[in-house]
């Protein structure tokens, strides 16, 4: 996702957001997930198997 600036895709799929992360990694993961989601022009599919702090902060 670091090279996705300015790119767009009809659909974006993001998997594995429920993986436990260290607290210091969560902010970077949130930024990268935001970039990934905003690259989608029509649909974004997000999957997770466990509720984690990252998922809790992103799920609306």
N, C-alpha and C. Protein backbone atom coordinates (compact mmCIF):
# COMPACT_ATOMS: atom_id res chain seq x y z
N UNK A 1 0.81 -1.19 0.00
CA UNK A 1 0.00 0.00 0.00
C UNK A 1 0.86 1.26 0.00
N UNK A 2 2.11 1.14 0.33
CA UNK A 2 2.97 2.32 0.36
C UNK A 2 3.11 2.94 -1.03
N UNK A 3 2.95 2.16 -2.08
CA UNK A 3 3.09 2.66 -3.45
C UNK A 3 1.76 2.94 -4.12
N UNK A 4 0.66 3.00 -3.37
CA UNK A 4 -0.67 3.14 -3.96
C UNK A 4 -1.12 4.59 -4.08
N UNK A 5 -0.30 5.54 -3.69
CA UNK A 5 -0.72 6.94 -3.75
C UNK A 5 -1.11 7.31 -5.18
N UNK A 6 -2.30 7.85 -5.32
CA UNK A 6 -2.79 8.28 -6.62
C UNK A 6 -3.44 7.18 -7.44
N UNK A 7 -3.35 5.93 -7.01
CA UNK A 7 -3.95 4.83 -7.75
C UNK A 7 -5.38 4.60 -7.28
N UNK A 8 -6.22 4.08 -8.18
CA UNK A 8 -7.59 3.71 -7.84
C UNK A 8 -7.90 2.36 -8.46
N UNK A 9 -8.78 1.61 -7.78
CA UNK A 9 -9.19 0.30 -8.25
C UNK A 9 -10.69 0.17 -8.03
N UNK A 10 -11.42 -0.54 -8.91
CA UNK A 10 -12.86 -0.71 -8.70
C UNK A 10 -13.17 -1.40 -7.37
N UNK A 11 -12.40 -2.43 -7.04
CA UNK A 11 -12.61 -3.19 -5.81
C UNK A 11 -11.28 -3.36 -5.07
N UNK A 12 -11.36 -3.31 -3.77
CA UNK A 12 -10.19 -3.54 -2.93
C UNK A 12 -10.59 -4.57 -1.88
N UNK A 13 -9.73 -5.56 -1.65
CA UNK A 13 -9.96 -6.58 -0.62
C UNK A 13 -8.84 -6.50 0.41
N UNK A 14 -9.23 -6.45 1.67
CA UNK A 14 -8.27 -6.40 2.77
C UNK A 14 -8.62 -7.53 3.72
N UNK A 15 -7.69 -8.42 3.94
CA UNK A 15 -7.94 -9.55 4.83
C UNK A 15 -7.03 -9.55 6.04
N UNK A 16 -7.47 -10.24 7.08
CA UNK A 16 -6.63 -10.45 8.25
C UNK A 16 -6.51 -9.28 9.20
N UNK A 17 -7.52 -8.42 9.27
CA UNK A 17 -7.42 -7.28 10.18
C UNK A 17 -7.54 -7.67 11.65
N UNK A 18 -7.95 -8.87 11.94
CA UNK A 18 -8.11 -9.29 13.33
C UNK A 18 -6.84 -9.77 14.00
N UNK A 19 -5.74 -9.78 13.27
CA UNK A 19 -4.48 -10.23 13.85
C UNK A 19 -4.04 -9.27 14.94
N UNK A 20 -3.59 -9.82 16.05
CA UNK A 20 -3.15 -8.99 17.17
C UNK A 20 -1.85 -8.29 16.81
N UNK A 21 -1.77 -7.04 17.14
CA UNK A 21 -0.58 -6.24 16.86
C UNK A 21 -0.10 -5.60 18.15
N UNK A 22 1.16 -5.19 18.13
CA UNK A 22 1.70 -4.41 19.23
C UNK A 22 1.08 -3.02 19.17
N UNK A 23 0.93 -2.38 20.31
CA UNK A 23 0.28 -1.07 20.38
C UNK A 23 0.94 -0.06 19.45
N UNK A 24 2.27 -0.09 19.34
CA UNK A 24 2.96 0.90 18.51
C UNK A 24 2.76 0.66 17.02
N UNK A 25 2.31 -0.53 16.64
CA UNK A 25 2.08 -0.83 15.23
C UNK A 25 0.67 -0.46 14.77
N UNK A 26 -0.24 -0.24 15.70
CA UNK A 26 -1.64 -0.03 15.35
C UNK A 26 -1.84 1.26 14.56
N UNK A 27 -1.20 2.35 14.96
CA UNK A 27 -1.38 3.62 14.26
C UNK A 27 -0.95 3.51 12.80
N UNK A 28 0.17 2.87 12.55
CA UNK A 28 0.64 2.69 11.17
C UNK A 28 -0.33 1.80 10.39
N UNK A 29 -0.84 0.75 11.04
CA UNK A 29 -1.80 -0.14 10.37
C UNK A 29 -3.09 0.60 10.04
N UNK A 30 -3.53 1.48 10.92
CA UNK A 30 -4.74 2.26 10.64
C UNK A 30 -4.52 3.16 9.43
N UNK A 31 -3.38 3.81 9.36
CA UNK A 31 -3.09 4.67 8.21
C UNK A 31 -3.05 3.86 6.91
N UNK A 32 -2.39 2.71 6.94
CA UNK A 32 -2.30 1.87 5.74
C UNK A 32 -3.66 1.32 5.33
N UNK A 33 -4.47 0.95 6.32
CA UNK A 33 -5.82 0.45 6.02
C UNK A 33 -6.67 1.56 5.42
N UNK A 34 -6.55 2.76 5.93
CA UNK A 34 -7.27 3.91 5.37
C UNK A 34 -6.89 4.12 3.91
N UNK A 35 -5.60 4.08 3.63
CA UNK A 35 -5.14 4.24 2.24
C UNK A 35 -5.73 3.15 1.37
N UNK A 36 -5.70 1.91 1.85
CA UNK A 36 -6.23 0.79 1.06
C UNK A 36 -7.72 0.97 0.78
N UNK A 37 -8.49 1.33 1.80
CA UNK A 37 -9.93 1.50 1.64
C UNK A 37 -10.24 2.63 0.67
N UNK A 38 -9.52 3.72 0.76
CA UNK A 38 -9.82 4.87 -0.09
C UNK A 38 -9.33 4.71 -1.52
N UNK A 39 -8.64 3.62 -1.84
CA UNK A 39 -8.25 3.34 -3.23
C UNK A 39 -9.41 2.74 -4.00
N UNK A 40 -10.43 2.23 -3.30
CA UNK A 40 -11.58 1.59 -3.96
C UNK A 40 -12.52 2.65 -4.51
N UNK A 41 -12.90 2.49 -5.78
CA UNK A 41 -13.86 3.42 -6.37
C UNK A 41 -15.30 2.95 -6.23
N UNK A 42 -15.50 1.63 -6.03
CA UNK A 42 -16.86 1.09 -5.92
C UNK A 42 -17.07 0.24 -4.67
N UNK A 43 -16.17 -0.69 -4.39
CA UNK A 43 -16.37 -1.61 -3.27
C UNK A 43 -15.07 -1.88 -2.54
N UNK A 44 -15.19 -2.02 -1.23
CA UNK A 44 -14.05 -2.45 -0.40
C UNK A 44 -14.54 -3.61 0.46
N UNK A 45 -13.84 -4.72 0.40
CA UNK A 45 -14.16 -5.91 1.19
C UNK A 45 -13.12 -6.04 2.29
N UNK A 46 -13.59 -6.08 3.53
CA UNK A 46 -12.68 -6.17 4.66
C UNK A 46 -13.09 -7.38 5.49
N UNK A 47 -12.11 -8.25 5.78
CA UNK A 47 -12.41 -9.43 6.60
C UNK A 47 -11.53 -9.42 7.84
N UNK A 48 -12.08 -10.00 8.90
CA UNK A 48 -11.32 -10.19 10.13
C UNK A 48 -11.93 -11.36 10.87
N UNK A 49 -11.11 -12.08 11.61
CA UNK A 49 -11.60 -13.25 12.34
C UNK A 49 -11.66 -13.00 13.84
N UNK A 50 -10.94 -12.03 14.33
CA UNK A 50 -10.92 -11.71 15.75
C UNK A 50 -11.09 -10.21 15.94
N UNK A 51 -11.83 -9.84 16.97
CA UNK A 51 -11.94 -8.43 17.29
C UNK A 51 -10.64 -8.01 17.97
N UNK A 52 -10.03 -6.98 17.44
CA UNK A 52 -8.79 -6.46 18.01
C UNK A 52 -8.94 -4.96 18.15
N UNK A 53 -7.96 -4.31 18.74
CA UNK A 53 -8.02 -2.85 18.87
C UNK A 53 -8.10 -2.20 17.49
N UNK A 54 -7.36 -2.73 16.53
CA UNK A 54 -7.38 -2.19 15.17
C UNK A 54 -8.77 -2.29 14.58
N UNK A 55 -9.39 -3.46 14.66
CA UNK A 55 -10.74 -3.65 14.11
C UNK A 55 -11.73 -2.76 14.85
N UNK A 56 -11.62 -2.70 16.16
CA UNK A 56 -12.53 -1.88 16.95
C UNK A 56 -12.47 -0.41 16.58
N UNK A 57 -11.31 0.08 16.22
CA UNK A 57 -11.17 1.49 15.85
C UNK A 57 -11.64 1.76 14.43
N UNK A 58 -11.67 0.74 13.58
CA UNK A 58 -12.07 0.93 12.19
C UNK A 58 -13.53 0.63 11.92
N UNK A 59 -14.12 -0.29 12.67
CA UNK A 59 -15.50 -0.70 12.43
C UNK A 59 -16.43 0.42 12.88
N UNK A 60 -17.31 0.80 11.98
CA UNK A 60 -18.25 1.89 12.26
C UNK A 60 -19.59 1.30 12.61
